[in-house]
PDB file of N, CA and C in Angstrom:
ATOM      1  N   MET A   1     -79.645-103.589 137.071  1.00  0.00           N
ATOM      2  CA  MET A   1     -79.570-104.531 138.183  1.00  0.00           C
ATOM      3  C   MET A   1     -79.321-103.759 139.475  1.00  0.00           C
ATOM      4  N   LYS A   2     -80.165-104.013 140.484  1.00  0.00           N
ATOM      5  CA  LYS A   2     -80.030-103.328 141.764  1.00  0.00           C
ATOM      6  C   LYS A   2     -78.888-103.927 142.568  1.00  0.00           C
ATOM      7  N   SER A   3     -78.233-103.058 143.307  1.00  0.00           N
ATOM      8  CA  SER A   3     -77.176-103.563 144.177  1.00  0.00           C
ATOM      9  C   SER A   3     -77.812-104.191 145.415  1.00  0.00           C
ATOM     10  N   ILE A   4     -77.051-105.004 146.084  1.00  0.00           N
ATOM     11  CA  ILE A   4     -77.529-105.662 147.306  1.00  0.00           C
ATOM     12  C   ILE A   4     -77.869-104.615 148.361  1.00  0.00           C
ATOM     13  N   GLU A   5     -77.087-103.538 148.419  1.00  0.00           N
ATOM     14  CA  GLU A   5     -77.342-102.484 149.402  1.00  0.00           C
ATOM     15  C   GLU A   5     -78.689-101.815 149.164  1.00  0.00           C
ATOM     16  N   ILE A   6     -79.026-101.561 147.898  1.00  0.00           N
ATOM     17  CA  ILE A   6     -80.307-100.932 147.576  1.00  0.00           C
ATOM     18  C   ILE A   6     -81.454-101.878 147.901  1.00  0.00           C
ATOM     19  N   GLU A   7     -81.321-103.156 147.527  1.00  0.00           N
ATOM     20  CA  GLU A   7     -82.362-104.134 147.837  1.00  0.00           C
ATOM     21  C   GLU A   7     -82.560-104.263 149.344  1.00  0.00           C
ATOM     22  N   ARG A   8     -81.473-104.244 150.080  1.00  0.00           N
ATOM     23  CA  ARG A   8     -81.552-104.336 151.545  1.00  0.00           C
ATOM     24  C   ARG A   8     -82.275-103.125 152.111  1.00  0.00           C
ATOM     25  N   ALA A   9     -81.928-101.927 151.651  1.00  0.00           N
ATOM     26  CA  ALA A   9     -82.572-100.706 152.119  1.00  0.00           C
ATOM     27  C   ALA A   9     -84.067-100.719 151.798  1.00  0.00           C
ATOM     28  N   GLU A  10     -84.431-101.201 150.616  1.00  0.00           N
ATOM     29  CA  GLU A  10     -85.845-101.293 150.241  1.00  0.00           C
ATOM     30  C   GLU A  10     -86.594-102.292 151.115  1.00  0.00           C
ATOM     31  N   ALA A  11     -85.940-103.393 151.447  1.00  0.00           N
ATOM     32  CA  ALA A  11     -86.565-104.393 152.314  1.00  0.00           C
ATOM     33  C   ALA A  11     -86.794-103.826 153.709  1.00  0.00           C
ATOM     34  N   ILE A  12     -85.819-103.100 154.219  1.00  0.00           N
ATOM     35  CA  ILE A  12     -85.955-102.491 155.544  1.00  0.00           C
ATOM     36  C   ILE A  12     -87.095-101.478 155.540  1.00  0.00           C
ATOM     37  N   THR A  13     -87.180-100.677 154.490  1.00  0.00           N
ATOM     38  CA  THR A  13     -88.269 -99.701 154.381  1.00  0.00           C
ATOM     39  C   THR A  13     -89.620-100.408 154.358  1.00  0.00           C
ATOM     40  N   TRP A  14     -89.727-101.467 153.585  1.00  0.00           N
ATOM     41  CA  TRP A  14     -90.984-102.224 153.505  1.00  0.00           C
ATOM     42  C   TRP A  14     -91.366-102.784 154.876  1.00  0.00           C
ATOM     43  N   ILE A  15     -90.403-103.328 155.587  1.00  0.00           N
ATOM     44  CA  ILE A  15     -90.669-103.882 156.918  1.00  0.00           C
ATOM     45  C   ILE A  15     -91.142-102.783 157.869  1.00  0.00           C
ATOM     46  N   ARG A  16     -90.483-101.634 157.829  1.00  0.00           N
ATOM     47  CA  ARG A  16     -90.898-100.517 158.698  1.00  0.00           C
ATOM     48  C   ARG A  16     -92.326-100.074 158.387  1.00  0.00           C
ATOM     49  N   ILE A  17     -92.677-100.026 157.112  1.00  0.00           N
ATOM     50  CA  ILE A  17     -94.036 -99.643 156.719  1.00  0.00           C
ATOM     51  C   ILE A  17     -95.039-100.667 157.235  1.00  0.00           C
ATOM     52  N   GLN A  18     -94.747-101.943 157.070  1.00  0.00           N
ATOM     53  CA  GLN A  18     -95.648-102.997 157.535  1.00  0.00           C
ATOM     54  C   GLN A  18     -95.825-102.937 159.049  1.00  0.00           C
ATOM     55  N   MET A  19     -94.746-102.714 159.763  1.00  0.00           N
ATOM     56  CA  MET A  19     -94.826-102.623 161.224  1.00  0.00           C
ATOM     57  C   MET A  19     -95.700-101.438 161.637  1.00  0.00           C
ATOM     58  N   ALA A  20     -95.537-100.298 160.961  1.00  0.00           N
ATOM     59  CA  ALA A  20     -96.334 -99.117 161.289  1.00  0.00           C
ATOM     60  C   ALA A  20     -97.812 -99.356 160.967  1.00  0.00           C
ATOM     61  N   GLN A  21     -98.089 -99.959 159.827  1.00  0.00           N
ATOM     62  CA  GLN A  21     -99.480-100.206 159.431  1.00  0.00           C
ATOM     63  C   GLN A  21    -100.193-101.163 160.372  1.00  0.00           C
ATOM     64  N   HIS A  22     -99.458-102.093 160.949  1.00  0.00           N
ATOM     65  CA  HIS A  22    -100.064-103.113 161.800  1.00  0.00           C
ATOM     66  C   HIS A  22     -99.831-102.861 163.289  1.00  0.00           C
ATOM     67  N   GLY A  23     -99.218-101.731 163.607  1.00  0.00           N
ATOM     68  CA  GLY A  23     -98.996-101.380 165.004  1.00  0.00           C
ATOM     69  C   GLY A  23     -98.045-102.316 165.720  1.00  0.00           C
ATOM     70  N   LEU A  24     -97.035-102.798 165.008  1.00  0.00           N
ATOM     71  CA  LEU A  24     -96.078-103.740 165.592  1.00  0.00           C
ATOM     72  C   LEU A  24     -94.818-103.027 166.073  1.00  0.00           C
ATOM     73  N   ALA A  25     -94.275-103.533 167.156  1.00  0.00           N
ATOM     74  CA  ALA A  25     -92.998-103.051 167.685  1.00  0.00           C
ATOM     75  C   ALA A  25     -92.015-104.215 167.684  1.00  0.00           C
ATOM     76  N   LEU A  26     -90.765-103.908 167.876  1.00  0.00           N
ATOM     77  CA  LEU A  26     -89.735-104.940 167.906  1.00  0.00           C
ATOM     78  C   LEU A  26     -90.059-106.002 168.960  1.00  0.00           C
ATOM     79  N   ASP A  27     -90.576-105.575 170.106  1.00  0.00           N
ATOM     80  CA  ASP A  27     -90.941-106.532 171.162  1.00  0.00           C
ATOM     81  C   ASP A  27     -91.988-107.536 170.681  1.00  0.00           C
ATOM     82  N   ASP A  28     -92.923-107.074 169.851  1.00  0.00           N
ATOM     83  CA  ASP A  28     -93.942-107.975 169.314  1.00  0.00           C
ATOM     84  C   ASP A  28     -93.304-109.058 168.446  1.00  0.00           C
ATOM     85  N   LEU A  29     -92.357-108.670 167.631  1.00  0.00           N
ATOM     86  CA  LEU A  29     -91.686-109.631 166.753  1.00  0.00           C
ATOM     87  C   LEU A  29     -90.834-110.611 167.552  1.00  0.00           C
ATOM     88  N   GLN A  30     -90.164-110.101 168.567  1.00  0.00           N
ATOM     89  CA  GLN A  30     -89.360-110.980 169.415  1.00  0.00           C
ATOM     90  C   GLN A  30     -90.252-111.978 170.144  1.00  0.00           C
ATOM     91  N   ALA A  31     -91.388-111.510 170.664  1.00  0.00           N
ATOM     92  CA  ALA A  31     -92.314-112.391 171.375  1.00  0.00           C
ATOM     93  C   ALA A  31     -92.893-113.462 170.449  1.00  0.00           C
ATOM     94  N   ALA A  32     -93.003-113.146 169.160  1.00  0.00           N
ATOM     95  CA  ALA A  32     -93.530-114.104 168.189  1.00  0.00           C
ATOM     96  C   ALA A  32     -92.463-115.086 167.718  1.00  0.00           C
ATOM     97  N   GLY A  33     -91.227-114.921 168.201  1.00  0.00           N
ATOM     98  CA  GLY A  33     -90.156-115.855 167.841  1.00  0.00           C
ATOM     99  C   GLY A  33     -89.463-115.546 166.531  1.00  0.00           C
ATOM    100  N   CYS A  34     -89.641-114.340 166.029  1.00  0.00           N
ATOM    101  CA  CYS A  34     -89.046-113.987 164.738  1.00  0.00           C
ATOM    102  C   CYS A  34     -87.519-114.002 164.745  1.00  0.00           C
ATOM    103  N   PHE A  35     -86.923-113.872 165.914  1.00  0.00           N
ATOM    104  CA  PHE A  35     -85.467-113.812 165.982  1.00  0.00           C
ATOM    105  C   PHE A  35     -84.866-115.007 166.710  1.00  0.00           C
ATOM    106  N   ALA A  36     -85.665-116.035 166.885  1.00  0.00           N
ATOM    107  CA  ALA A  36     -85.186-117.251 167.546  1.00  0.00           C
ATOM    108  C   ALA A  36     -84.206-117.968 166.636  1.00  0.00           C
ATOM    109  N   GLU A  37     -83.296-118.686 167.246  1.00  0.00           N
ATOM    110  CA  GLU A  37     -82.349-119.476 166.481  1.00  0.00           C
ATOM    111  C   GLU A  37     -83.104-120.533 165.685  1.00  0.00           C
ATOM    112  N   PRO A  38     -82.729-120.752 164.428  1.00  0.00           N
ATOM    113  CA  PRO A  38     -83.401-121.805 163.662  1.00  0.00           C
ATOM    114  C   PRO A  38     -83.078-123.169 164.260  1.00  0.00           C
ATOM    115  N   PRO A  39     -83.987-124.118 164.107  1.00  0.00           N
ATOM    116  CA  PRO A  39     -83.710-125.451 164.639  1.00  0.00           C
ATOM    117  C   PRO A  39     -82.488-126.044 163.945  1.00  0.00           C
ATOM    118  N   PRO A  40     -81.754-126.895 164.636  1.00  0.00           N
ATOM    119  CA  PRO A  40     -80.568-127.484 164.014  1.00  0.00           C
ATOM    120  C   PRO A  40     -80.948-128.332 162.814  1.00  0.00           C
ATOM    121  N   ALA A  41     -80.044-128.387 161.876  1.00  0.00           N
ATOM    122  CA  ALA A  41     -80.286-129.191 160.671  1.00  0.00           C
ATOM    123  C   ALA A  41     -80.346-130.667 161.049  1.00  0.00           C
ATOM    124  N   THR A  42     -81.254-131.365 160.426  1.00  0.00           N
ATOM    125  CA  THR A  42     -81.371-132.799 160.651  1.00  0.00           C
ATOM    126  C   THR A  42     -81.401-133.496 159.309  1.00  0.00           C
ATOM    127  N   LEU A  43     -81.400-134.782 159.335  1.00  0.00           N
ATOM    128  CA  LEU A  43     -81.506-135.536 158.098  1.00  0.00           C
ATOM    129  C   LEU A  43     -82.840-135.232 157.440  1.00  0.00           C
ATOM    130  N   PRO A  44     -82.871-135.167 156.107  1.00  0.00           N
ATOM    131  CA  PRO A  44     -84.135-134.888 155.428  1.00  0.00           C
ATOM    132  C   PRO A  44     -85.224-135.871 155.869  1.00  0.00           C
ATOM    133  N   GLY A  45     -86.377-135.317 156.206  1.00  0.00           N
ATOM    134  CA  GLY A  45     -87.508-136.158 156.591  1.00  0.00           C
ATOM    135  C   GLY A  45     -87.500-136.620 158.036  1.00  0.00           C
ATOM    136  N   ALA A  46     -86.429-136.318 158.779  1.00  0.00           N
ATOM    137  CA  ALA A  46     -86.374-136.737 160.176  1.00  0.00           C
ATOM    138  C   ALA A  46     -87.413-135.954 160.972  1.00  0.00           C
ATOM    139  N   VAL A  47     -88.178-136.631 161.791  1.00  0.00           N
ATOM    140  CA  VAL A  47     -89.231-135.990 162.568  1.00  0.00           C
ATOM    141  C   VAL A  47     -88.622-135.218 163.729  1.00  0.00           C
ATOM    142  N   ARG A  48     -88.938-133.934 163.814  1.00  0.00           N
ATOM    143  CA  ARG A  48     -88.464-133.088 164.912  1.00  0.00           C
ATOM    144  C   ARG A  48     -89.534-132.890 165.964  1.00  0.00           C
ATOM    145  N   TYR A  49     -90.804-132.974 165.539  1.00  0.00           N
ATOM    146  CA  TYR A  49     -91.925-132.723 166.448  1.00  0.00           C
ATOM    147  C   TYR A  49     -92.932-133.857 166.296  1.00  0.00           C
ATOM    148  N   ARG A  50     -93.481-134.314 167.420  1.00  0.00           N
ATOM    149  CA  ARG A  50     -94.445-135.411 167.381  1.00  0.00           C
ATOM    150  C   ARG A  50     -95.454-135.220 168.502  1.00  0.00           C
ATOM    151  N   ASN A  51     -96.714-135.545 168.212  1.00  0.00           N
ATOM    152  CA  ASN A  51     -97.742-135.439 169.254  1.00  0.00           C
ATOM    153  C   ASN A  51     -98.029-136.810 169.852  1.00  0.00           C
ATOM    154  N   ALA A  52     -98.919-136.857 170.808  1.00  0.00           N
ATOM    155  CA  ALA A  52     -99.229-138.108 171.512  1.00  0.00           C
ATOM    156  C   ALA A  52     -99.900-139.131 170.607  1.00  0.00           C
ATOM    157  N   HIS A  53    -100.444-138.693 169.483  1.00  0.00           N
ATOM    158  CA  HIS A  53    -101.106-139.609 168.548  1.00  0.00           C
ATOM    159  C   HIS A  53    -100.139-140.131 167.485  1.00  0.00           C
ATOM    160  N   GLY A  54     -98.868-139.738 167.594  1.00  0.00           N
ATOM    161  CA  GLY A  54     -97.866-140.223 166.651  1.00  0.00           C
ATOM    162  C   GLY A  54     -97.726-139.379 165.400  1.00  0.00           C
ATOM    163  N   GLN A  55     -98.486-138.304 165.291  1.00  0.00           N
ATOM    164  CA  GLN A  55     -98.351-137.437 164.126  1.00  0.00           C
ATOM    165  C   GLN A  55     -97.050-136.660 164.258  1.00  0.00           C
ATOM    166  N   GLY A  56     -96.306-136.564 163.167  1.00  0.00           N
ATOM    167  CA  GLY A  56     -95.008-135.916 163.221  1.00  0.00           C
ATOM    168  C   GLY A  56     -94.846-134.832 162.185  1.00  0.00           C
ATOM    169  N   TRP A  57     -93.829-134.023 162.384  1.00  0.00           N
ATOM    170  CA  TRP A  57     -93.471-132.949 161.452  1.00  0.00           C
ATOM    171  C   TRP A  57     -91.972-132.774 161.497  1.00  0.00           C
ATOM    172  N   ASP A  58     -91.350-132.597 160.323  1.00  0.00           N
ATOM    173  CA  ASP A  58     -89.897-132.443 160.267  1.00  0.00           C
ATOM    174  C   ASP A  58     -89.443-130.996 160.443  1.00  0.00           C
ATOM    175  N   GLY A  59     -90.380-130.068 160.613  1.00  0.00           N
ATOM    176  CA  GLY A  59     -90.028-128.671 160.825  1.00  0.00           C
ATOM    177  C   GLY A  59     -89.852-127.890 159.542  1.00  0.00           C
ATOM    178  N   ARG A  60     -90.085-128.521 158.411  1.00  0.00           N
ATOM    179  CA  ARG A  60     -89.940-127.842 157.127  1.00  0.00           C
ATOM    180  C   ARG A  60     -91.306-127.634 156.498  1.00  0.00           C
ATOM    181  N   GLY A  61     -91.420-126.563 155.756  1.00  0.00           N
ATOM    182  CA  GLY A  61     -92.687-126.282 155.099  1.00  0.00           C
ATOM    183  C   GLY A  61     -93.722-125.782 156.100  1.00  0.00           C
ATOM    184  N   ALA A  62     -94.959-125.805 155.673  1.00  0.00           N
ATOM    185  CA  ALA A  62     -96.048-125.291 156.505  1.00  0.00           C
ATOM    186  C   ALA A  62     -96.255-126.164 157.742  1.00  0.00           C
ATOM    187  N   MET A  63     -96.573-125.513 158.848  1.00  0.00           N
ATOM    188  CA  MET A  63     -96.862-126.228 160.087  1.00  0.00           C
ATOM    189  C   MET A  63     -98.145-127.032 159.893  1.00  0.00           C
ATOM    190  N   PRO A  64     -98.140-128.308 160.267  1.00  0.00           N
ATOM    191  CA  PRO A  64     -99.341-129.130 160.079  1.00  0.00           C
ATOM    192  C   PRO A  64    -100.505-128.661 160.959  1.00  0.00           C
ATOM    193  N   ASP A  65    -101.713-129.019 160.540  1.00  0.00           N
ATOM    194  CA  ASP A  65    -102.917-128.589 161.252  1.00  0.00           C
ATOM    195  C   ASP A  65    -102.897-128.967 162.721  1.00  0.00           C
ATOM    196  N   TRP A  66    -102.467-130.198 163.041  1.00  0.00           N
ATOM    197  CA  TRP A  66    -102.500-130.630 164.437  1.00  0.00           C
ATOM    198  C   TRP A  66    -101.639-129.737 165.314  1.00  0.00           C
ATOM    199  N   LEU A  67    -100.495-129.284 164.768  1.00  0.00           N
ATOM    200  CA  LEU A  67     -99.595-128.437 165.543  1.00  0.00           C
ATOM    201  C   LEU A  67    -100.118-126.999 165.598  1.00  0.00           C
ATOM    202  N   GLN A  68    -100.698-126.526 164.510  1.00  0.00           N
ATOM    203  CA  GLN A  68    -101.303-125.196 164.519  1.00  0.00           C
ATOM    204  C   GLN A  68    -102.407-125.113 165.566  1.00  0.00           C
ATOM    205  N   ARG A  69    -103.247-126.139 165.636  1.00  0.00           N
ATOM    206  CA  ARG A  69    -104.333-126.138 166.617  1.00  0.00           C
ATOM    207  C   ARG A  69    -103.770-126.098 168.037  1.00  0.00           C
ATOM    208  N   ALA A  70    -102.716-126.862 168.285  1.00  0.00           N
ATOM    209  CA  ALA A  70    -102.112-126.887 169.620  1.00  0.00           C
ATOM    210  C   ALA A  70    -101.520-125.528 169.985  1.00  0.00           C
ATOM    211  N   VAL A  71    -100.854-124.891 169.046  1.00  0.00           N
ATOM    212  CA  VAL A  71    -100.256-123.578 169.296  1.00  0.00           C
ATOM    213  C   VAL A  71    -101.349-122.544 169.542  1.00  0.00           C
ATOM    214  N   HIS A  72    -102.413-122.580 168.748  1.00  0.00           N
ATOM    215  CA  HIS A  72    -103.524-121.634 168.943  1.00  0.00           C
ATOM    216  C   HIS A  72    -104.218-121.869 170.284  1.00  0.00           C
ATOM    217  N   ALA A  73    -104.133-123.079 170.795  1.00  0.00           N
ATOM    218  CA  ALA A  73    -104.739-123.396 172.097  1.00  0.00           C
ATOM    219  C   ALA A  73    -103.820-123.019 173.260  1.00  0.00           C
ATOM    220  N   GLY A  74    -102.609-122.526 172.942  1.00  0.00           N
ATOM    221  CA  GLY A  74    -101.718-122.054 173.996  1.00  0.00           C
ATOM    222  C   GLY A  74    -100.488-122.905 174.237  1.00  0.00           C
ATOM    223  N   GLN A  75    -100.340-124.005 173.520  1.00  0.00           N
ATOM    224  CA  GLN A  75     -99.171-124.861 173.700  1.00  0.00           C
ATOM    225  C   GLN A  75     -98.010-124.295 172.884  1.00  0.00           C
ATOM    226  N   THR A  76     -96.790-124.614 173.274  1.00  0.00           N
ATOM    227  CA  THR A  76     -95.622-124.177 172.507  1.00  0.00           C
ATOM    228  C   THR A  76     -95.207-125.277 171.544  1.00  0.00           C
ATOM    229  N   VAL A  77     -94.584-124.879 170.461  1.00  0.00           N
ATOM    230  CA  VAL A  77     -94.072-125.848 169.494  1.00  0.00           C
ATOM    231  C   VAL A  77     -93.021-126.729 170.168  1.00  0.00           C
ATOM    232  N   GLU A  78     -92.217-126.127 171.025  1.00  0.00           N
ATOM    233  CA  GLU A  78     -91.139-126.870 171.681  1.00  0.00           C
ATOM    234  C   GLU A  78     -91.656-128.008 172.557  1.00  0.00           C
ATOM    235  N   HIS A  79     -92.887-127.907 173.007  1.00  0.00           N
ATOM    236  CA  HIS A  79     -93.484-128.983 173.801  1.00  0.00           C
ATOM    237  C   HIS A  79     -93.495-130.299 173.022  1.00  0.00           C
ATOM    238  N   PHE A  80     -93.578-130.216 171.712  1.00  0.00           N
ATOM    239  CA  PHE A  80     -93.684-131.391 170.852  1.00  0.00           C
ATOM    240  C   PHE A  80     -92.347-131.823 170.256  1.00  0.00           C
ATOM    241  N   ARG A  81     -91.257-131.146 170.638  1.00  0.00           N
ATOM    242  CA  ARG A  81     -89.941-131.490 170.073  1.00  0.00           C
ATOM    243  C   ARG A  81     -89.543-132.893 170.459  1.00  0.00           C
ATOM    244  N   VAL A  82     -89.038-133.644 169.497  1.00  0.00           N
ATOM    245  CA  VAL A  82     -88.552-134.999 169.727  1.00  0.00           C
ATOM    246  C   VAL A  82     -87.139-134.878 170.279  1.00  0.00           C
ATOM    247  N   VAL A  83     -86.899-135.502 171.401  1.00  0.00           N
ATOM    248  CA  VAL A  83     -85.581-135.461 172.025  1.00  0.00           C
ATOM    249  C   VAL A  83     -84.753-136.626 171.487  1.00  0.00           C
ATOM    250  N   SER A  84     -83.596-136.305 170.962  1.00  0.00           N
ATOM    251  CA  SER A  84     -82.723-137.332 170.419  1.00  0.00           C
ATOM    252  C   SER A  84     -82.020-138.083 171.557  1.00  0.00           C
ATOM    253  N   THR A  85     -81.915-139.373 171.410  1.00  0.00           N
ATOM    254  CA  THR A  85     -81.217-140.176 172.421  1.00  0.00           C
ATOM    255  C   THR A  85     -79.826-140.571 171.979  1.00  0.00           C
ATOM    256  N   THR A  86     -79.377-140.003 170.844  1.00  0.00           N
ATOM    257  CA  THR A  86     -78.038-140.338 170.353  1.00  0.00           C
ATOM    258  C   THR A  86     -77.022-139.362 170.841  1.00  0.00           C
TER     259      THR A  86
END
């Protein structure tokens, strides 16, 4: 059984290799939101993001097609965040 320290070191090595192979720098990962704070926990199934057509997403699992298309077109995910009135 591997220790947590060994598994952590192996994960770091793997990440460094992937970054080198793909020409990525820390700035690239930060710009992609890799280190952003996770969204706050909400009730299961509560919609966090919604578009003008009423399509919603709770922020869990794969990003829905409608939101992927919007992001690829230059919009931010946060643009679709549902603002709580409570």
